[in-house]
Amino acid sequence: MERPSGGPRYRISAIRPWASEGTDEAPQEVQTFFAGKEVDVADLEALAVSFGGQLENVVQGGGRAQGELAWRGHRFNLDLDPLP
């Protein structure tokens, strides 16, 4: 699915594994690669692919957004804080 470029920009502020992962911390390599990056939705999709993962979904609302990353059979939520 192709996503539009541009649009709101966000900073990736947290990476959290799904509860089904059985841990409350994402692997360090995921944290290091994604944390603090400034992206729009299209950038985030490209970033996920460059990491060997896939952006499954982005939910935007209430001035915040959350992305869903699939990587090596695992799932993570990416907290996205809006940039001015």
N, C-alpha and C. Protein backbone atom coordinates (compact mmCIF):
# COMPACT_ATOMS: atom_id res chain seq x y z
N MET A 1 0.85 -1.17 0.00
CA MET A 1 0.00 0.00 0.00
C MET A 1 0.90 1.24 0.00
N GLU A 2 0.66 2.14 -0.90
CA GLU A 2 1.45 3.36 -0.99
C GLU A 2 0.82 4.42 -0.09
N ARG A 3 1.67 5.08 0.68
CA ARG A 3 1.20 6.12 1.59
C ARG A 3 1.63 7.47 1.04
N PRO A 4 0.85 8.49 1.29
CA PRO A 4 1.22 9.82 0.79
C PRO A 4 2.46 10.35 1.51
N SER A 5 3.27 11.10 0.78
CA SER A 5 4.41 11.74 1.43
C SER A 5 3.97 13.07 2.00
N GLY A 6 4.81 13.63 2.82
CA GLY A 6 4.45 14.89 3.45
C GLY A 6 3.51 14.64 4.60
N GLY A 7 2.71 15.64 4.91
CA GLY A 7 1.78 15.50 6.02
C GLY A 7 2.47 15.80 7.34
N PRO A 8 1.78 15.52 8.43
CA PRO A 8 2.33 15.82 9.75
C PRO A 8 3.66 15.08 9.97
N ARG A 9 4.52 15.74 10.72
CA ARG A 9 5.81 15.11 11.08
C ARG A 9 5.80 14.80 12.57
N TYR A 10 6.49 13.72 12.89
CA TYR A 10 6.51 13.20 14.25
C TYR A 10 7.93 12.85 14.66
N ARG A 11 8.17 12.82 15.96
CA ARG A 11 9.39 12.27 16.53
C ARG A 11 9.03 10.94 17.18
N ILE A 12 9.80 9.90 16.89
CA ILE A 12 9.57 8.60 17.51
C ILE A 12 10.07 8.70 18.95
N SER A 13 9.14 8.68 19.90
CA SER A 13 9.48 8.93 21.30
C SER A 13 9.59 7.66 22.14
N ALA A 14 8.99 6.58 21.69
CA ALA A 14 9.06 5.33 22.45
C ALA A 14 8.80 4.15 21.53
N ILE A 15 9.42 3.04 21.84
CA ILE A 15 9.22 1.79 21.12
C ILE A 15 8.87 0.75 22.17
N ARG A 16 7.68 0.18 22.03
CA ARG A 16 7.22 -0.78 23.03
C ARG A 16 6.77 -2.06 22.35
N PRO A 17 7.22 -3.22 22.85
CA PRO A 17 6.74 -4.48 22.30
C PRO A 17 5.28 -4.71 22.67
N TRP A 18 4.60 -5.46 21.83
CA TRP A 18 3.24 -5.86 22.16
C TRP A 18 3.27 -6.71 23.42
N ALA A 19 2.18 -6.71 24.17
CA ALA A 19 2.08 -7.50 25.40
C ALA A 19 2.35 -8.98 25.13
N SER A 20 1.97 -9.47 23.96
CA SER A 20 2.17 -10.88 23.62
C SER A 20 3.64 -11.25 23.48
N GLU A 21 4.53 -10.26 23.41
CA GLU A 21 5.96 -10.52 23.29
C GLU A 21 6.56 -11.01 24.61
N GLY A 22 5.86 -10.80 25.73
CA GLY A 22 6.33 -11.30 27.01
C GLY A 22 7.46 -10.49 27.64
N THR A 23 7.69 -9.28 27.15
CA THR A 23 8.70 -8.41 27.73
C THR A 23 8.20 -6.98 27.63
N ASP A 24 8.76 -6.09 28.43
CA ASP A 24 8.33 -4.70 28.37
C ASP A 24 9.37 -3.81 27.69
N GLU A 25 10.44 -4.42 27.14
CA GLU A 25 11.46 -3.64 26.46
C GLU A 25 11.71 -4.17 25.06
N ALA A 26 11.81 -3.26 24.12
CA ALA A 26 12.18 -3.63 22.76
C ALA A 26 13.68 -3.91 22.72
N PRO A 27 14.14 -4.79 21.83
CA PRO A 27 15.57 -5.04 21.72
C PRO A 27 16.35 -3.75 21.48
N GLN A 28 17.57 -3.70 21.98
CA GLN A 28 18.40 -2.50 21.87
C GLN A 28 18.58 -2.06 20.43
N GLU A 29 18.73 -3.01 19.50
CA GLU A 29 18.93 -2.62 18.11
C GLU A 29 17.71 -1.90 17.53
N VAL A 30 16.52 -2.26 17.98
CA VAL A 30 15.30 -1.57 17.54
C VAL A 30 15.27 -0.18 18.16
N GLN A 31 15.56 -0.09 19.46
CA GLN A 31 15.58 1.20 20.15
C GLN A 31 16.56 2.15 19.47
N THR A 32 17.77 1.67 19.25
CA THR A 32 18.83 2.50 18.68
C THR A 32 18.47 2.99 17.27
N PHE A 33 17.88 2.12 16.48
CA PHE A 33 17.57 2.47 15.09
C PHE A 33 16.44 3.49 14.99
N PHE A 34 15.40 3.36 15.81
CA PHE A 34 14.20 4.18 15.64
C PHE A 34 14.08 5.38 16.58
N ALA A 35 14.54 5.27 17.81
CA ALA A 35 14.29 6.31 18.82
C ALA A 35 14.84 7.67 18.39
N GLY A 36 13.98 8.68 18.52
CA GLY A 36 14.37 10.05 18.25
C GLY A 36 14.31 10.49 16.80
N LYS A 37 14.07 9.56 15.89
CA LYS A 37 14.01 9.93 14.47
C LYS A 37 12.79 10.83 14.22
N GLU A 38 12.94 11.80 13.31
CA GLU A 38 11.84 12.68 12.94
C GLU A 38 11.35 12.27 11.56
N VAL A 39 10.07 11.93 11.48
CA VAL A 39 9.52 11.31 10.28
C VAL A 39 8.10 11.79 9.99
N ASP A 40 7.70 11.67 8.73
CA ASP A 40 6.27 11.68 8.40
C ASP A 40 5.91 10.21 8.16
N VAL A 41 4.69 9.91 7.80
CA VAL A 41 4.26 8.52 7.65
C VAL A 41 5.05 7.82 6.54
N ALA A 42 5.29 8.50 5.43
CA ALA A 42 6.04 7.89 4.32
C ALA A 42 7.48 7.61 4.74
N ASP A 43 8.09 8.55 5.48
CA ASP A 43 9.45 8.34 5.99
C ASP A 43 9.49 7.12 6.91
N LEU A 44 8.49 7.00 7.76
CA LEU A 44 8.45 5.90 8.72
C LEU A 44 8.34 4.56 7.99
N GLU A 45 7.55 4.52 6.96
CA GLU A 45 7.43 3.29 6.18
C GLU A 45 8.78 2.92 5.55
N ALA A 46 9.46 3.90 4.97
CA ALA A 46 10.77 3.66 4.36
C ALA A 46 11.79 3.25 5.42
N LEU A 47 11.74 3.86 6.58
CA LEU A 47 12.65 3.54 7.67
C LEU A 47 12.46 2.09 8.12
N ALA A 48 11.21 1.68 8.26
CA ALA A 48 10.91 0.31 8.67
C ALA A 48 11.46 -0.69 7.66
N VAL A 49 11.28 -0.41 6.37
CA VAL A 49 11.77 -1.30 5.32
C VAL A 49 13.30 -1.36 5.35
N SER A 50 13.95 -0.21 5.54
CA SER A 50 15.41 -0.19 5.56
C SER A 50 15.97 -0.97 6.76
N PHE A 51 15.16 -1.18 7.78
CA PHE A 51 15.55 -1.95 8.96
C PHE A 51 15.24 -3.43 8.78
N GLY A 52 14.55 -3.77 7.70
CA GLY A 52 14.18 -5.16 7.46
C GLY A 52 12.82 -5.50 8.03
N GLY A 53 12.05 -4.47 8.36
CA GLY A 53 10.72 -4.67 8.92
C GLY A 53 9.65 -4.14 7.99
N GLN A 54 8.46 -4.01 8.53
CA GLN A 54 7.34 -3.48 7.77
C GLN A 54 6.45 -2.65 8.68
N LEU A 55 6.07 -1.48 8.20
CA LEU A 55 5.11 -0.65 8.91
C LEU A 55 3.73 -1.20 8.59
N GLU A 56 3.05 -1.73 9.60
CA GLU A 56 1.76 -2.37 9.40
C GLU A 56 0.60 -1.38 9.43
N ASN A 57 0.72 -0.36 10.26
CA ASN A 57 -0.41 0.53 10.46
C ASN A 57 0.08 1.79 11.17
N VAL A 58 -0.60 2.90 10.92
CA VAL A 58 -0.39 4.13 11.68
C VAL A 58 -1.77 4.66 12.04
N VAL A 59 -1.96 4.92 13.32
CA VAL A 59 -3.21 5.49 13.80
C VAL A 59 -2.90 6.90 14.28
N GLN A 60 -3.63 7.87 13.74
CA GLN A 60 -3.43 9.27 14.11
C GLN A 60 -4.72 9.79 14.73
N GLY A 61 -4.56 10.57 15.79
CA GLY A 61 -5.73 11.17 16.42
C GLY A 61 -5.37 11.87 17.69
N GLY A 62 -6.08 12.90 18.00
CA GLY A 62 -5.85 13.64 19.22
C GLY A 62 -4.47 14.28 19.29
N GLY A 63 -3.92 14.60 18.13
CA GLY A 63 -2.62 15.25 18.10
C GLY A 63 -1.45 14.31 18.27
N ARG A 64 -1.72 13.02 18.38
CA ARG A 64 -0.65 12.02 18.53
C ARG A 64 -0.85 10.94 17.48
N ALA A 65 0.13 10.10 17.38
CA ALA A 65 0.02 8.97 16.47
C ALA A 65 0.79 7.80 17.03
N GLN A 66 0.47 6.62 16.53
CA GLN A 66 1.17 5.42 16.93
C GLN A 66 1.32 4.53 15.70
N GLY A 67 2.53 4.04 15.49
CA GLY A 67 2.80 3.14 14.38
C GLY A 67 2.97 1.73 14.88
N GLU A 68 2.68 0.78 14.01
CA GLU A 68 2.83 -0.64 14.34
C GLU A 68 3.91 -1.22 13.43
N LEU A 69 4.98 -1.69 14.03
CA LEU A 69 6.12 -2.24 13.31
C LEU A 69 6.16 -3.75 13.45
N ALA A 70 6.28 -4.45 12.32
CA ALA A 70 6.51 -5.89 12.32
C ALA A 70 7.96 -6.11 11.92
N TRP A 71 8.68 -6.92 12.73
CA TRP A 71 10.10 -7.16 12.46
C TRP A 71 10.48 -8.53 12.99
N ARG A 72 10.96 -9.39 12.10
CA ARG A 72 11.44 -10.73 12.46
C ARG A 72 10.44 -11.51 13.31
N GLY A 73 9.18 -11.43 12.94
CA GLY A 73 8.14 -12.16 13.64
C GLY A 73 7.67 -11.52 14.94
N HIS A 74 8.15 -10.32 15.23
CA HIS A 74 7.77 -9.61 16.45
C HIS A 74 7.00 -8.35 16.08
N ARG A 75 6.26 -7.83 17.03
CA ARG A 75 5.47 -6.61 16.81
C ARG A 75 5.78 -5.58 17.88
N PHE A 76 5.87 -4.32 17.43
CA PHE A 76 6.19 -3.21 18.32
C PHE A 76 5.28 -2.04 18.01
N ASN A 77 4.94 -1.27 19.03
CA ASN A 77 4.25 0.01 18.87
C ASN A 77 5.30 1.11 18.93
N LEU A 78 5.20 2.04 17.99
CA LEU A 78 6.07 3.20 17.97
C LEU A 78 5.23 4.41 18.36
N ASP A 79 5.55 5.05 19.48
CA ASP A 79 4.85 6.27 19.89
C ASP A 79 5.41 7.44 19.09
N LEU A 80 4.53 8.19 18.47
CA LEU A 80 4.92 9.29 17.59
C LEU A 80 4.39 10.60 18.14
N ASP A 81 5.29 11.48 18.57
CA ASP A 81 4.91 12.78 19.09
C ASP A 81 4.95 13.81 17.97
N PRO A 82 3.91 14.65 17.86
CA PRO A 82 3.88 15.64 16.78
C PRO A 82 4.98 16.69 16.92
N LEU A 83 5.51 17.11 15.79
CA LEU A 83 6.48 18.20 15.75
C LEU A 83 5.76 19.47 15.35
N PRO A 84 6.24 20.61 15.84
CA PRO A 84 5.59 21.88 15.48
C PRO A 84 5.76 22.21 14.01
